[in-house]
Amino acid sequence: MRPQALTLEPSAPSLRSSHRMVRCLWCREPVRLALAIKHRGICPQCLEETTTLAWHIIYDRDRNIGAIPENLRAAYNL
């Protein structure tokens, strides 16, 4: 008996990647794959919300932005 050659065939009809749906990383709502790739896994609505929140950052230790808030100074004796 001869071994059969393996063929790679899709199990389902292929869809264009721009029409495939995935879930947003934040709100878990369905979003097109092309948009998720463009916005790094986040739907446009969540992206707009995070952009708005980004302007309200008071302190970010990792990026060395801002000053340590008083409640953290008191809690950690800084």
N, C-alpha and C. Protein backbone atom coordinates (compact mmCIF):
# COMPACT_ATOMS: atom_id res chain seq x y z
N MET A 1 0.83 -1.18 0.00
CA MET A 1 0.00 0.00 0.00
C MET A 1 0.88 1.25 0.00
N ARG A 2 0.47 2.20 -0.80
CA ARG A 2 1.20 3.48 -0.84
C ARG A 2 0.57 4.42 0.18
N PRO A 3 1.42 5.16 0.91
CA PRO A 3 0.86 6.15 1.83
C PRO A 3 0.21 7.28 1.04
N GLN A 4 -0.90 7.73 1.54
CA GLN A 4 -1.60 8.82 0.87
C GLN A 4 -0.91 10.14 1.18
N ALA A 5 -0.87 11.00 0.20
CA ALA A 5 -0.28 12.32 0.40
C ALA A 5 -1.23 13.18 1.24
N LEU A 6 -0.66 13.91 2.15
CA LEU A 6 -1.46 14.79 2.98
C LEU A 6 -1.70 16.10 2.25
N THR A 7 -2.92 16.54 2.27
CA THR A 7 -3.23 17.82 1.66
C THR A 7 -3.81 18.73 2.74
N LEU A 8 -3.45 19.96 2.66
CA LEU A 8 -3.97 20.93 3.62
C LEU A 8 -5.14 21.65 2.98
N GLU A 9 -6.32 21.29 3.42
CA GLU A 9 -7.53 21.92 2.92
C GLU A 9 -8.28 22.53 4.09
N PRO A 10 -8.84 23.70 3.89
CA PRO A 10 -9.60 24.31 4.99
C PRO A 10 -10.82 23.47 5.33
N SER A 11 -11.12 23.40 6.61
CA SER A 11 -12.27 22.61 7.03
C SER A 11 -13.58 23.35 6.76
N ALA A 12 -13.49 24.65 6.59
CA ALA A 12 -14.67 25.46 6.28
C ALA A 12 -14.31 26.39 5.13
N PRO A 13 -15.28 26.87 4.43
CA PRO A 13 -14.96 27.79 3.35
C PRO A 13 -14.22 29.01 3.89
N SER A 14 -13.17 29.40 3.20
CA SER A 14 -12.37 30.51 3.70
C SER A 14 -13.11 31.83 3.51
N LEU A 15 -12.99 32.67 4.50
CA LEU A 15 -13.56 34.00 4.44
C LEU A 15 -12.41 34.99 4.37
N ARG A 16 -12.67 36.10 3.75
CA ARG A 16 -11.64 37.12 3.75
C ARG A 16 -11.42 37.57 5.18
N SER A 17 -10.16 37.85 5.54
CA SER A 17 -9.87 38.21 6.93
C SER A 17 -10.58 39.48 7.35
N SER A 18 -10.92 40.36 6.40
CA SER A 18 -11.61 41.59 6.78
C SER A 18 -13.05 41.34 7.19
N HIS A 19 -13.60 40.18 6.85
CA HIS A 19 -14.99 39.87 7.19
C HIS A 19 -15.10 38.94 8.40
N ARG A 20 -13.98 38.40 8.86
CA ARG A 20 -14.03 37.53 10.04
C ARG A 20 -14.28 38.37 11.27
N MET A 21 -14.98 37.79 12.21
CA MET A 21 -15.32 38.51 13.44
C MET A 21 -14.51 37.93 14.60
N VAL A 22 -14.03 38.81 15.44
CA VAL A 22 -13.34 38.44 16.68
C VAL A 22 -13.96 39.28 17.80
N ARG A 23 -13.53 39.07 19.02
CA ARG A 23 -14.07 39.83 20.14
C ARG A 23 -13.06 40.88 20.61
N CYS A 24 -13.59 42.03 20.98
CA CYS A 24 -12.77 43.12 21.52
C CYS A 24 -12.14 42.66 22.83
N LEU A 25 -10.90 43.05 23.07
CA LEU A 25 -10.22 42.64 24.30
C LEU A 25 -10.80 43.28 25.55
N TRP A 26 -11.45 44.43 25.41
CA TRP A 26 -11.98 45.12 26.58
C TRP A 26 -13.45 44.83 26.81
N CYS A 27 -14.29 45.10 25.81
CA CYS A 27 -15.74 44.96 26.02
C CYS A 27 -16.29 43.61 25.57
N ARG A 28 -15.49 42.83 24.86
CA ARG A 28 -15.86 41.50 24.38
C ARG A 28 -16.97 41.51 23.34
N GLU A 29 -17.26 42.66 22.73
CA GLU A 29 -18.25 42.75 21.66
C GLU A 29 -17.60 42.29 20.35
N PRO A 30 -18.39 41.72 19.43
CA PRO A 30 -17.82 41.30 18.14
C PRO A 30 -17.34 42.51 17.33
N VAL A 31 -16.20 42.35 16.70
CA VAL A 31 -15.62 43.39 15.86
C VAL A 31 -14.92 42.70 14.69
N ARG A 32 -14.90 43.35 13.54
CA ARG A 32 -14.23 42.75 12.38
C ARG A 32 -12.74 42.60 12.65
N LEU A 33 -12.14 41.52 12.17
CA LEU A 33 -10.74 41.24 12.39
C LEU A 33 -9.85 42.37 11.88
N ALA A 34 -10.18 42.93 10.73
CA ALA A 34 -9.36 44.00 10.17
C ALA A 34 -9.30 45.19 11.12
N LEU A 35 -10.43 45.54 11.74
CA LEU A 35 -10.44 46.65 12.70
C LEU A 35 -9.67 46.29 13.97
N ALA A 36 -9.81 45.05 14.42
CA ALA A 36 -9.09 44.62 15.61
C ALA A 36 -7.58 44.66 15.38
N ILE A 37 -7.14 44.26 14.21
CA ILE A 37 -5.71 44.32 13.90
C ILE A 37 -5.25 45.78 13.84
N LYS A 38 -6.05 46.61 13.22
CA LYS A 38 -5.69 48.03 13.07
C LYS A 38 -5.59 48.72 14.42
N HIS A 39 -6.48 48.36 15.36
CA HIS A 39 -6.51 49.02 16.66
C HIS A 39 -5.96 48.14 17.78
N ARG A 40 -5.13 47.18 17.44
CA ARG A 40 -4.45 46.30 18.41
C ARG A 40 -5.41 45.52 19.31
N GLY A 41 -6.47 44.99 18.72
CA GLY A 41 -7.39 44.11 19.43
C GLY A 41 -8.55 44.80 20.12
N ILE A 42 -8.65 46.12 19.95
CA ILE A 42 -9.70 46.87 20.62
C ILE A 42 -10.65 47.44 19.58
N CYS A 43 -11.93 47.42 19.88
CA CYS A 43 -12.91 47.98 18.94
C CYS A 43 -12.79 49.51 18.92
N PRO A 44 -13.27 50.16 17.88
CA PRO A 44 -13.15 51.62 17.78
C PRO A 44 -13.80 52.37 18.95
N GLN A 45 -14.90 51.86 19.51
CA GLN A 45 -15.55 52.53 20.64
C GLN A 45 -14.66 52.49 21.88
N CYS A 46 -14.08 51.34 22.16
CA CYS A 46 -13.19 51.23 23.32
C CYS A 46 -11.92 52.04 23.10
N LEU A 47 -11.44 52.08 21.87
CA LEU A 47 -10.26 52.87 21.57
C LEU A 47 -10.51 54.35 21.86
N GLU A 48 -11.69 54.82 21.50
CA GLU A 48 -12.03 56.22 21.77
C GLU A 48 -12.10 56.48 23.27
N GLU A 49 -12.67 55.54 24.02
CA GLU A 49 -12.76 55.69 25.47
C GLU A 49 -11.38 55.69 26.11
N THR A 50 -10.49 54.79 25.67
CA THR A 50 -9.16 54.73 26.26
C THR A 50 -8.34 55.96 25.89
N THR A 51 -8.57 56.50 24.71
CA THR A 51 -7.87 57.72 24.31
C THR A 51 -8.31 58.86 25.21
N THR A 52 -9.58 58.92 25.53
CA THR A 52 -10.09 59.95 26.43
C THR A 52 -9.50 59.77 27.82
N LEU A 53 -9.43 58.52 28.30
CA LEU A 53 -8.87 58.26 29.63
C LEU A 53 -7.38 58.57 29.69
N ALA A 54 -6.67 58.37 28.59
CA ALA A 54 -5.23 58.57 28.58
C ALA A 54 -4.87 60.01 28.92
N TRP A 55 -5.74 60.94 28.62
CA TRP A 55 -5.44 62.34 28.92
C TRP A 55 -5.65 62.67 30.39
N HIS A 56 -6.25 61.75 31.15
CA HIS A 56 -6.54 62.00 32.56
C HIS A 56 -5.57 61.30 33.50
N ILE A 57 -4.48 60.76 32.98
CA ILE A 57 -3.51 60.07 33.83
C ILE A 57 -2.80 61.10 34.72
N ILE A 58 -2.81 60.85 36.01
CA ILE A 58 -2.15 61.74 36.95
C ILE A 58 -0.75 61.24 37.26
N TYR A 59 -0.60 59.91 37.37
CA TYR A 59 0.67 59.34 37.74
C TYR A 59 0.85 57.98 37.07
N ASP A 60 1.99 57.78 36.44
CA ASP A 60 2.35 56.49 35.84
C ASP A 60 3.79 56.21 36.22
N ARG A 61 3.98 55.30 37.15
CA ARG A 61 5.31 55.00 37.66
C ARG A 61 6.22 54.44 36.57
N ASP A 62 5.70 53.55 35.73
CA ASP A 62 6.53 52.91 34.72
C ASP A 62 7.03 53.89 33.67
N ARG A 63 6.21 54.85 33.31
CA ARG A 63 6.61 55.83 32.30
C ARG A 63 7.19 57.10 32.92
N ASN A 64 7.22 57.15 34.24
CA ASN A 64 7.74 58.30 34.97
C ASN A 64 6.99 59.57 34.58
N ILE A 65 5.65 59.48 34.63
CA ILE A 65 4.79 60.61 34.30
C ILE A 65 4.11 61.09 35.57
N GLY A 66 4.17 62.37 35.83
CA GLY A 66 3.45 62.96 36.95
C GLY A 66 4.16 62.77 38.28
N ALA A 67 3.46 63.13 39.34
CA ALA A 67 3.98 63.01 40.70
C ALA A 67 3.18 61.95 41.45
N ILE A 68 3.80 61.41 42.49
CA ILE A 68 3.13 60.38 43.29
C ILE A 68 1.97 61.03 44.04
N PRO A 69 0.76 60.50 43.89
CA PRO A 69 -0.40 61.07 44.60
C PRO A 69 -0.23 60.96 46.12
N GLU A 70 -0.88 61.87 46.82
CA GLU A 70 -0.75 61.93 48.28
C GLU A 70 -1.23 60.65 48.96
N ASN A 71 -2.30 60.03 48.44
CA ASN A 71 -2.79 58.81 49.09
C ASN A 71 -1.77 57.67 48.99
N LEU A 72 -1.00 57.60 47.89
CA LEU A 72 0.05 56.58 47.78
C LEU A 72 1.24 56.94 48.66
N ARG A 73 1.57 58.23 48.75
CA ARG A 73 2.66 58.65 49.63
C ARG A 73 2.36 58.24 51.08
N ALA A 74 1.12 58.47 51.51
CA ALA A 74 0.74 58.14 52.89
C ALA A 74 0.71 56.64 53.10
N ALA A 75 0.17 55.89 52.14
CA ALA A 75 0.04 54.45 52.29
C ALA A 75 1.39 53.74 52.33
N TYR A 76 2.36 54.23 51.57
CA TYR A 76 3.66 53.56 51.48
C TYR A 76 4.79 54.34 52.15
N ASN A 77 4.43 55.36 52.93
CA ASN A 77 5.42 56.17 53.66
C ASN A 77 6.52 56.69 52.73
N LEU A 78 6.12 57.33 51.66
CA LEU A 78 7.10 57.86 50.69
C LEU A 78 7.42 59.30 50.96
